[in-house]
Each structure stands twice: as structure tokens, then as C-alpha cells.
Protein backbone atom coordinates (compact mmCIF):
# COMPACT_ATOMS: atom_id res chain seq x y z
CA MET A 1 0.00 0.00 0.00
CA SER A 2 1.40 3.38 -1.00
CA THR A 3 2.04 5.92 1.73
CA THR A 4 0.05 9.14 1.39
CA VAL A 5 1.01 12.58 2.68
CA LEU A 6 -1.97 12.46 5.03
CA GLY A 7 -0.83 9.07 6.29
CA ILE A 8 2.65 10.39 7.03
CA ILE A 9 1.23 13.37 8.93
CA ARG A 10 -1.09 11.13 10.94
CA GLU A 11 1.82 8.97 12.05
CA GLN A 12 3.91 11.91 13.25
CA ARG A 13 4.12 12.67 16.96
CA ALA A 14 2.47 16.00 17.79
CA VAL A 15 5.10 17.87 19.80
CA SER A 16 3.50 21.32 19.67
CA VAL A 17 -0.08 22.58 19.49
CA SER A 18 0.40 23.53 15.83
CA ASP A 19 1.63 19.97 15.15
CA ALA A 20 -1.49 18.63 16.85
CA LEU A 21 -3.75 20.87 14.77
CA THR A 22 -2.06 19.75 11.55
CA LYS A 23 -2.48 16.12 12.61
CA MET A 24 -6.12 16.79 13.51
CA ALA A 25 -6.77 18.20 10.04
CA ALA A 26 -5.08 15.18 8.43
CA ASN A 27 -7.21 12.79 10.47
CA LEU A 28 -10.41 14.63 9.56
CA LEU A 29 -9.51 14.65 5.86
CA GLU A 30 -8.47 11.00 5.83
CA ASP A 31 -11.63 9.90 7.67
CA TRP A 32 -13.97 12.12 5.67
CA THR A 33 -17.17 10.32 4.69
CA THR A 34 -20.39 11.98 3.64
CA SER A 35 -22.47 10.10 6.22
CA ASP A 36 -20.29 11.21 9.14
CA VAL A 37 -19.77 14.84 8.18
CA ASP A 38 -21.80 17.37 10.16
CA ASP A 39 -21.34 21.08 10.86
CA ALA A 40 -19.02 20.48 13.83
CA TYR A 41 -16.86 18.21 11.64
CA ARG A 42 -16.60 20.77 8.84
CA PHE A 43 -15.99 23.68 11.24
CA THR A 44 -13.30 21.72 13.11
CA LEU A 45 -11.60 20.90 9.82
CA SER A 46 -11.56 24.52 8.62
CA LEU A 47 -10.16 25.76 11.95
CA SER A 48 -7.52 23.03 12.26
CA LEU A 49 -6.37 23.71 8.68
CA SER A 50 -6.02 27.37 9.70
CA LEU A 51 -4.19 26.41 12.93
CA ILE A 52 -6.88 28.06 15.06
CA VAL A 53 -8.02 26.67 18.42
CA ASP A 54 -11.55 27.73 19.35
CA VAL A 55 -12.03 27.99 23.12
CA ALA A 56 -15.72 28.98 22.96
CA ASN A 57 -18.06 26.48 24.59
CA ASN A 58 -19.70 25.07 21.46
CA ASN A 59 -19.68 21.75 19.63
CA THR A 60 -16.69 22.69 17.48
CA SER A 61 -14.51 23.82 20.38
CA LYS A 62 -15.41 20.70 22.37
CA LYS A 63 -14.45 18.53 19.40
CA MET A 64 -11.15 20.37 18.97
CA LEU A 65 -10.14 20.29 22.64
CA LYS A 66 -11.08 16.61 22.93
CA ALA A 67 -8.67 15.77 20.09
CA LEU A 68 -5.71 17.59 21.72
CA GLU A 69 -3.33 16.13 24.29
CA PRO A 70 -3.98 17.24 27.92
CA SER A 71 -0.76 19.27 27.94
CA HIS A 72 -1.84 21.07 24.78
CA VAL A 73 -5.30 21.77 26.19
CA HIS A 74 -3.68 23.22 29.33
CA GLU A 75 -1.43 25.45 27.20
CA VAL A 76 -4.34 26.71 25.12
CA LYS A 77 -6.54 27.41 28.14
CA GLU A 78 -3.75 29.32 29.88
CA HIS A 79 -3.40 31.51 26.80
CA SER A 80 -7.18 31.95 26.71
CA LYS A 81 -7.25 32.96 30.39
CA SER A 82 -4.55 35.58 29.85
CA GLN A 83 -6.66 37.23 27.13
CA SER A 84 -9.60 37.59 29.52
CA ASN A 85 -7.67 39.12 32.42
CA THR A 86 -7.05 42.57 30.91
CA ILE A 87 -10.55 44.07 31.24
CA LYS A 88 -10.79 47.07 33.57
CA GLU A 89 -13.92 48.01 35.47
CA LEU A 90 -15.97 50.99 34.37
CA PRO A 91 -14.40 54.20 35.84
CA ALA A 92 -15.95 55.30 39.16
CA PHE A 93 -17.53 58.47 37.72
CA LEU A 94 -19.24 56.53 34.93
CA SER A 95 -20.42 53.83 37.33
CA LEU A 96 -22.01 56.59 39.42
CA ILE A 97 -23.68 58.15 36.35
CA PHE A 98 -25.01 54.73 35.37
CA LYS A 99 -26.25 53.93 38.89
CA GLU A 100 -28.09 57.24 39.31
CA THR A 101 -29.62 56.99 35.83
CA ILE A 102 -31.00 53.53 36.59
CA GLU A 103 -32.39 54.71 39.94
CA LEU A 104 -34.21 57.60 38.25
CA LEU A 105 -35.58 55.29 35.56
CA GLU A 106 -36.93 52.90 38.18
CA LEU A 107 -38.31 55.52 40.61
CA GLU A 108 -39.39 58.44 38.42
CA GLY A 109 -39.33 57.31 34.80
CA GLU A 110 -37.76 58.11 31.45
CA HIS A 111 -37.99 61.92 31.40
CA PRO A 112 -36.23 62.58 34.75
CA ALA A 113 -33.47 60.15 33.73
CA LEU A 114 -32.95 61.96 30.42
CA ARG A 115 -32.94 65.33 32.18
CA TYR A 116 -30.29 64.04 34.63
CA LEU A 117 -28.10 62.84 31.74
CA SER A 118 -28.53 66.18 29.94
CA ASN A 119 -27.36 68.07 33.05
CA ALA A 120 -24.41 65.73 33.49
CA ALA A 121 -23.42 66.31 29.84
CA SER A 122 -23.67 70.10 30.28
CA LYS A 123 -21.27 69.99 33.23
CA GLN A 124 -18.76 67.99 31.19
CA LEU A 125 -19.03 70.46 28.30
CA GLU A 126 -18.01 73.33 30.58
CA THR A 127 -14.43 72.06 30.48
CA GLU A 128 -14.12 69.76 27.44
CA LYS A 129 -15.57 69.43 23.96
CA ASP A 130 -15.60 65.64 24.22
CA ASN A 131 -14.36 62.85 26.48
CA ILE A 132 -15.25 59.30 27.48
CA ASN A 133 -17.71 60.59 30.08
CA LEU A 134 -19.68 62.53 27.45
CA GLN A 135 -19.61 59.54 25.13
CA VAL A 136 -21.06 57.15 27.71
CA ILE A 137 -23.68 59.75 28.72
CA ASP A 138 -24.68 60.09 25.06
CA ILE A 139 -24.82 56.30 24.66
CA LEU A 140 -27.14 55.98 27.66
CA THR A 141 -29.29 58.78 26.28
CA TYR A 142 -29.45 57.09 22.87
CA VAL A 143 -30.38 53.73 24.41
CA ILE A 144 -33.12 55.19 26.63
CA ARG A 145 -34.66 57.09 23.72
CA ASN A 146 -34.67 54.06 21.39
CA VAL A 147 -35.12 51.02 23.62
CA LYS A 148 -38.93 50.86 23.33
CA LYS A 149 -38.73 51.00 19.54
CA TRP A 150 -36.16 48.18 19.51
CA GLY A 151 -38.34 46.03 21.75
CA ASN A 152 -41.57 46.63 19.83
CA GLU A 153 -40.22 46.35 16.30
CA LYS A 154 -40.85 42.94 14.78
CA GLY A 155 -38.85 41.33 12.01
CA ALA A 156 -35.68 43.40 12.50
CA THR A 157 -32.97 42.23 10.08
CA GLU A 158 -29.23 41.87 10.66
CA VAL A 159 -28.82 45.22 8.89
CA ASP A 160 -31.19 46.83 11.41
CA TRP A 161 -29.27 45.41 14.38
CA THR A 162 -25.95 46.33 12.79
CA HIS A 163 -27.09 49.94 12.38
CA ARG A 164 -28.18 50.14 16.03
CA LEU A 165 -24.87 48.98 17.44
CA VAL A 166 -22.78 50.95 14.94
CA SER A 167 -24.62 54.09 16.07
CA LEU A 168 -23.24 53.43 19.57
CA LEU A 169 -19.76 52.74 18.21
CA ASP A 170 -19.78 56.02 16.27
CA ILE A 171 -20.41 57.87 19.53
CA LEU A 172 -17.66 55.93 21.29
CA LEU A 173 -15.09 56.56 18.56
CA ARG A 174 -15.83 60.20 17.68
CA ASP A 175 -12.67 61.46 19.45
CA THR A 176 -10.43 59.03 17.52
CA ASP A 177 -9.20 58.59 13.96
CA LEU A 178 -10.59 55.04 13.87
CA SER A 179 -13.32 54.29 11.34
CA VAL A 180 -16.27 51.90 11.50
CA ARG A 181 -17.10 50.62 8.03
CA ILE A 182 -20.10 48.48 7.10
CA MET A 183 -18.70 46.44 4.25
CA ALA A 184 -17.13 43.12 3.29
CA THR A 185 -13.58 42.65 4.54
CA LYS A 186 -10.87 43.17 1.89
CA VAL A 187 -8.30 40.96 3.63
CA VAL A 188 -10.23 37.75 2.98
CA ARG A 189 -10.91 38.67 -0.64
CA GLN A 190 -7.22 39.32 -1.23
CA ALA A 191 -6.23 36.06 0.47
CA ASN A 192 -8.63 34.03 -1.66
CA GLU A 193 -7.65 35.75 -4.89
CA HIS A 194 -4.01 34.99 -4.07
CA ALA A 195 -4.80 31.32 -3.41
CA PHE A 196 -7.45 30.63 -6.04
CA GLY A 197 -6.89 33.23 -8.73
CA ASP A 198 -8.73 36.38 -9.72
CA LYS A 199 -11.96 34.48 -10.39
CA GLU A 200 -12.58 34.61 -6.64
CA LYS A 201 -14.28 37.99 -6.63
CA ILE A 202 -15.83 39.73 -3.65
CA SER A 203 -19.31 38.41 -4.48
CA SER A 204 -18.29 34.76 -4.38
CA ILE A 205 -16.14 34.19 -1.29
CA VAL A 206 -16.28 34.25 2.44
CA GLY A 207 -16.28 37.94 3.24
CA ARG A 208 -19.19 38.71 0.90
CA LYS A 209 -21.54 39.21 3.88
CA ILE A 210 -21.95 42.65 5.42
CA ASP A 211 -19.39 42.96 8.20
CA VAL A 212 -18.46 45.81 10.50
CA ILE A 213 -14.82 46.56 9.81
CA MET A 214 -12.64 48.58 12.18
CA GLU A 215 -10.06 50.54 10.21
CA HIS A 216 -7.24 52.97 10.74
CA ASP A 217 -6.21 54.85 7.61
CA GLU A 218 -7.97 52.24 5.42
CA PHE A 219 -6.06 49.41 7.14
CA GLU A 220 -8.23 46.74 8.74
CA LEU A 221 -7.86 46.14 12.49
CA SER A 222 -10.78 43.74 13.11
CA ALA A 223 -14.03 42.44 11.63
CA SER A 224 -17.33 41.86 13.41
CA GLU A 225 -20.50 40.22 12.14
CA TRP A 226 -24.23 40.30 12.78
CA LYS A 227 -27.09 37.87 12.30
CA SER A 228 -30.80 38.53 12.86
CA ALA A 229 -32.47 37.37 16.06
CA GLY A 230 -34.14 34.46 14.26
CA ALA A 231 -30.88 32.83 13.17
CA GLY A 232 -30.68 29.15 14.16
CA ASP A 233 -27.85 27.55 16.12
CA SER A 234 -26.25 26.11 12.98
CA LEU A 235 -26.09 29.53 11.31
CA VAL A 236 -24.75 31.16 14.50
CA ASP A 237 -22.00 28.51 14.75
CA LYS A 238 -21.17 29.05 11.08
CA GLN A 239 -20.91 32.80 11.70
CA HIS A 240 -18.63 32.21 14.68
CA ASN A 241 -16.39 29.85 12.71
CA LYS A 242 -16.12 32.30 9.83
CA ASN A 243 -15.47 35.25 12.12
CA LEU A 244 -12.56 33.45 13.81
CA ARG A 245 -10.93 32.74 10.45
CA VAL A 246 -11.53 36.26 9.14
CA ASN A 247 -9.94 37.82 12.22
CA ALA A 248 -7.03 35.40 12.17
CA CYS A 249 -6.48 36.57 8.60
CA VAL A 250 -6.66 40.22 9.72
CA LEU A 251 -4.23 39.52 12.57
CA LEU A 252 -1.81 37.78 10.20
CA GLN A 253 -1.86 40.85 7.95
CA ILE A 254 -0.98 43.00 10.97
CA LEU A 255 1.84 40.68 12.07
CA ARG A 256 3.34 40.84 8.59
CA LEU A 257 3.88 44.59 8.83
CA PRO A 258 7.56 45.63 8.94
CA PHE A 259 7.96 46.10 12.70
CA ASP A 260 11.27 47.12 14.24
CA GLY A 261 12.11 43.66 15.53
CA PHE A 262 9.76 40.79 16.26
CA ASN A 263 6.35 41.87 17.55
CA ASN A 264 4.11 38.93 18.41
CA ASP A 265 2.34 40.32 21.49
CA ILE A 266 -0.64 41.56 19.50
CA SER A 267 -4.27 40.50 19.79
CA ILE A 268 -7.43 41.81 18.14
CA LEU A 269 -10.99 42.08 19.40
CA SER A 270 -14.11 41.48 17.35
CA MET A 271 -17.81 41.12 18.04
CA GLU A 272 -20.38 38.53 17.04
CA TRP A 273 -24.03 39.55 17.36
CA THR A 274 -27.27 37.63 16.95
CA GLY A 275 -30.07 40.17 17.17
CA ALA A 276 -29.72 42.05 20.46
CA GLU A 277 -27.21 39.61 21.99
CA GLY A 278 -23.50 39.53 21.28
CA LYS A 279 -20.08 38.33 22.32
CA LEU A 280 -16.70 40.03 22.49
CA VAL A 281 -14.09 37.69 20.99
CA SER A 282 -10.31 37.89 21.19
CA MET A 283 -7.89 36.47 18.62
CA LYS A 284 -4.18 36.09 19.35
CA ARG A 285 -1.32 34.09 17.87
CA TYR A 286 1.02 32.03 20.04
CA ASN A 287 4.05 30.53 18.30
CA ASN A 288 2.51 29.16 15.09
CA TYR A 289 -1.14 28.85 16.05
CA PHE A 290 -4.08 31.10 16.94
CA VAL A 291 -6.38 31.06 19.96
CA GLY A 292 -9.92 32.43 19.69
CA THR A 293 -11.49 33.26 23.06
CA THR A 294 -14.86 34.65 24.10
CA ILE A 295 -14.09 37.56 26.44
CA GLY A 296 -17.64 38.32 27.55
CA ASP A 297 -21.32 38.53 26.67
CA MET A 298 -23.04 41.75 25.58
CA TYR A 299 -26.57 42.84 24.76
CA LEU A 300 -28.69 45.78 23.66
CA PRO A 301 -31.67 46.42 26.01
CA LEU A 302 -35.16 45.91 24.60
CA THR A 303 -37.14 47.51 27.45
CA LEU A 304 -36.46 50.26 30.00
CA ASP A 305 -36.49 47.60 32.72
CA ASP A 306 -33.70 45.79 30.89
CA ILE A 307 -31.15 48.64 31.00
CA SER A 308 -29.85 47.90 34.51
CA ASP A 309 -27.67 45.02 33.22
CA PHE A 310 -26.23 47.14 30.40
CA HIS A 311 -23.34 48.11 32.74
CA LYS A 312 -21.30 45.05 31.70
CA THR A 313 -21.85 45.74 28.00
CA LEU A 314 -20.62 49.32 28.47
CA THR A 315 -17.52 47.98 30.23
CA LEU A 316 -16.79 45.63 27.33
CA LEU A 317 -17.40 48.34 24.72
CA LEU A 318 -14.90 50.63 26.46
CA HIS A 319 -12.41 47.75 26.55
CA TRP A 320 -13.02 47.18 22.83
CA LYS A 321 -12.33 50.85 22.13
CA ASN A 322 -9.17 51.00 24.28
CA GLU A 323 -7.72 47.85 22.72
CA HIS A 324 -8.26 49.23 19.22
CA LEU A 325 -6.55 52.50 20.22
CA LYS A 326 -3.57 50.49 21.51
CA LEU A 327 -3.51 48.48 18.29
CA ARG A 328 -3.67 51.65 16.21
CA LYS A 329 -0.63 52.98 18.07
CA VAL A 330 1.28 49.73 17.51
CA VAL A 331 0.60 49.48 13.77
CA ARG A 332 0.84 53.17 12.84
CA GLY A 333 4.62 53.32 12.33
CA PRO A 334 5.01 49.95 10.58
CA LEU A 335 2.02 50.73 8.34
CA LEU A 336 3.55 54.01 7.16
CA ARG A 337 6.88 52.24 6.68
CA GLN A 338 5.29 49.53 4.57
CA ARG A 339 3.54 52.08 2.37
CA ARG A 340 6.83 53.90 1.79
CA PHE A 341 8.43 50.61 0.79
CA GLU A 342 5.56 49.83 -1.53
CA ARG A 343 5.84 53.22 -3.20
CA SER A 344 9.56 52.84 -3.69
CA ARG A 345 9.25 49.14 -4.56
CA SER A 346 11.76 48.31 -1.89
CA ASN A 347 12.77 44.71 -1.28
CA TYR A 348 12.67 45.25 2.46
CA THR A 349 10.31 42.90 4.31
CA SER A 350 9.52 42.32 7.97
CA SER A 351 10.92 39.45 9.99
CA ILE A 352 7.52 37.79 9.77
CA ALA A 353 7.02 38.41 6.08
CA THR A 354 10.42 36.93 5.15
CA SER A 355 9.41 33.66 6.79
CA ALA A 356 5.84 33.70 5.52
CA ASN A 357 6.06 30.15 4.21
CA THR A 358 6.43 28.85 7.79
CA ASN A 359 3.42 30.81 9.03
CA PRO A 360 -0.12 29.53 8.98
CA ASP A 361 -2.40 30.68 6.17
CA ILE A 362 -6.08 30.89 6.93
CA PHE A 363 -8.34 28.42 5.16
CA PHE A 364 -11.34 29.86 3.29
CA THR A 365 -13.52 27.77 1.04
CA PRO A 366 -13.76 29.02 -2.54
CA THR A 367 -17.13 28.78 -4.23
CA GLN A 368 -17.76 26.35 -7.02
CA ASP A 369 -17.47 27.90 -10.46
CA ARG A 370 -21.04 28.06 -11.75
CA SER A 371 -20.13 29.23 -15.26
CA SER A 372 -20.90 26.90 -18.12
CA ASN A 373 -18.07 24.99 -19.72
């Protein structure tokens, strides 16, 4: 019997996590049968081919972690834990504003709460044009004014929910040079065109859906995705799987910038929303593999009575903003350097780019060519 490449990989001892993921992909490909293939199987295959470990508590992550050695699972979970330990509590002043707003809503109603927020904003404007305090006050005002409409409106689409959250993000980012774009991510399109040729256009690949892209100077920093409230579990899992791979691709693009020296301590944050409920997800690379971790749960209130728990979502949104500002600072110099090199057609490449063949590429499925022969 001839020895196949998959057979050779399957027989190799998995020393590292990336070895284990490669072996996992080989096993899944070798054992592929139509009768046994379900969503978890396909999602696990696409992530293992991309050298991504999913630590979210779903069928795919359970399947992945079960296939890893205990020492590898411990390593992955330690990395996951470190990504979750950087969230700071809401500043004391904002916690007080939130607390007093909720008390007024519960005791006196919507109008007194809005009047309180308006007075608080006026005091802030006496000394500053804009700051994080004003932004959170404006977000609370926006939520209170719109929450009844959100709760009463039936049949809201993913575009509707995207618009609602992006309106909050625009408030949060108005004192920055970061941009929120509702569009399909360019990074995935470019990766697929490189792998499969220029037939893989934006309308026919992963990335064709409407995503919320965080950009600095037209350079992508993360991608988030929305589904409508009626999306089933299978579609939500598919969205999650895709979003992990898209953001690993975005992160890889960042890591390939020409940094001064090796810079691997970079992670990116994205969001995954289904209707009014969402998750904040972190993506980071360790050695030659990626770890995707759910940092926390978020939601948009649908009634006035539901706003009291919005405190945690505000905390996570501020963390999301701060992490993107840190990332912007990290990539700004290397991005300008790369663009100078591109203009001058320099042969200079970063330490990561020069060893690109040893780095993981993210697996995206091309669509079948439907043109007639």
C-alpha cells in the first residue's frame, strides 16, 4: 500500500499545538465520509487547517479540545485565560452616572433620567468638547430614547441590528481617527484571490456578507459580524467559525507589517451579534497557532427595565475601544513604513514576512465555479 502525505502526517508525533492541529486536520480529511460529516466536523476541519483553536463552549470547540493532548489543552486554556484578564472596570464616575440613571428610571421614569443625563453632559461640556464621560452619557441617552422601539419592532434584520450597534460605536469613537465601516472585509478577498486566482471575486467568497470593519487609515484592524435574532444555532455557529478565520487573517496581515524587531504580542478584538445579543471575541497568535477566546457577553436592552444590566456591556465596549486604540498605536509606524516601501518598490520585508512560508495561512472555502463549460 502506497504511503500518502496524510498518512505520514497522521503517524507523526504532535510535539506542539500547531503539530497537533495539523495532525487533527489530516485525520479529519483522511476519515472524511459523507455520512459522518456534520457542521461540527466541517468547522473543526476549517479551523484546524487554519491552525486556530476555538475555546468557545460550542460543539466545534469541544471537538477540537477533545482531540488535543492534555498538555496542549492546558497550554491553550492558559493563553485563553490571559486574554480575559485585561478588562478594567468601568471608571468610578461613569459607574455613578449609570447607577443614578438607573435609579431615576426605576423611581421616576424616562424623562427625569434623560434630564439628569442632559445636566451631566452640560457639566462635562463646561471644560471639554468631548471625552469618554460625554460619550457614555450620550450612549445611555441614545439607548433610553430608542429602547422601546427596539423592543416593539418585529422582524428586524441583521442590517437593522448592525445599524443600532454601529450608532453606539460612532459615539464611542468620535474622538479618535478610527473608522467603523459596514462592508465586506478586503483581507479575505485578497487572500482568496491569491490562493485561487482572480476568479474569486468579492461576491463569491467568504467575506461577501456585510461585516463591521474597524479601520485605521484604510487598514483593517478587526471584523465583526451580525445575524438577525431568528438565526438558528447552525447559522450562528457558522458565523462564529467564519469570524474566527476572518480575524485570524486580519491579525496575520498586521503581524506581517515591517515592525522594528519581532512583535508577536498583538491581539485583536471582534464582536459577534445575533439580534440584540452579542459576544466580544479575542484572537491572538502564540508561536505558530491562533487562539480564539470569548471575552464576555453583551446585549442591547429591549425595554427600560432591561437597561440595569447594560453596565457590563458598556464595560466591554470601552475595553473594545481601548484595545483598538492600543492596536492603532502599535501598527501606525510599521504601516507608514510599509507604504513607503511599496511606493519605492523596496525589497525590504519584515521578519515575519520573510518567513511567511512557515506561518499559517487561513483556510477559506472558494465557491464552485457556476459558469458553463
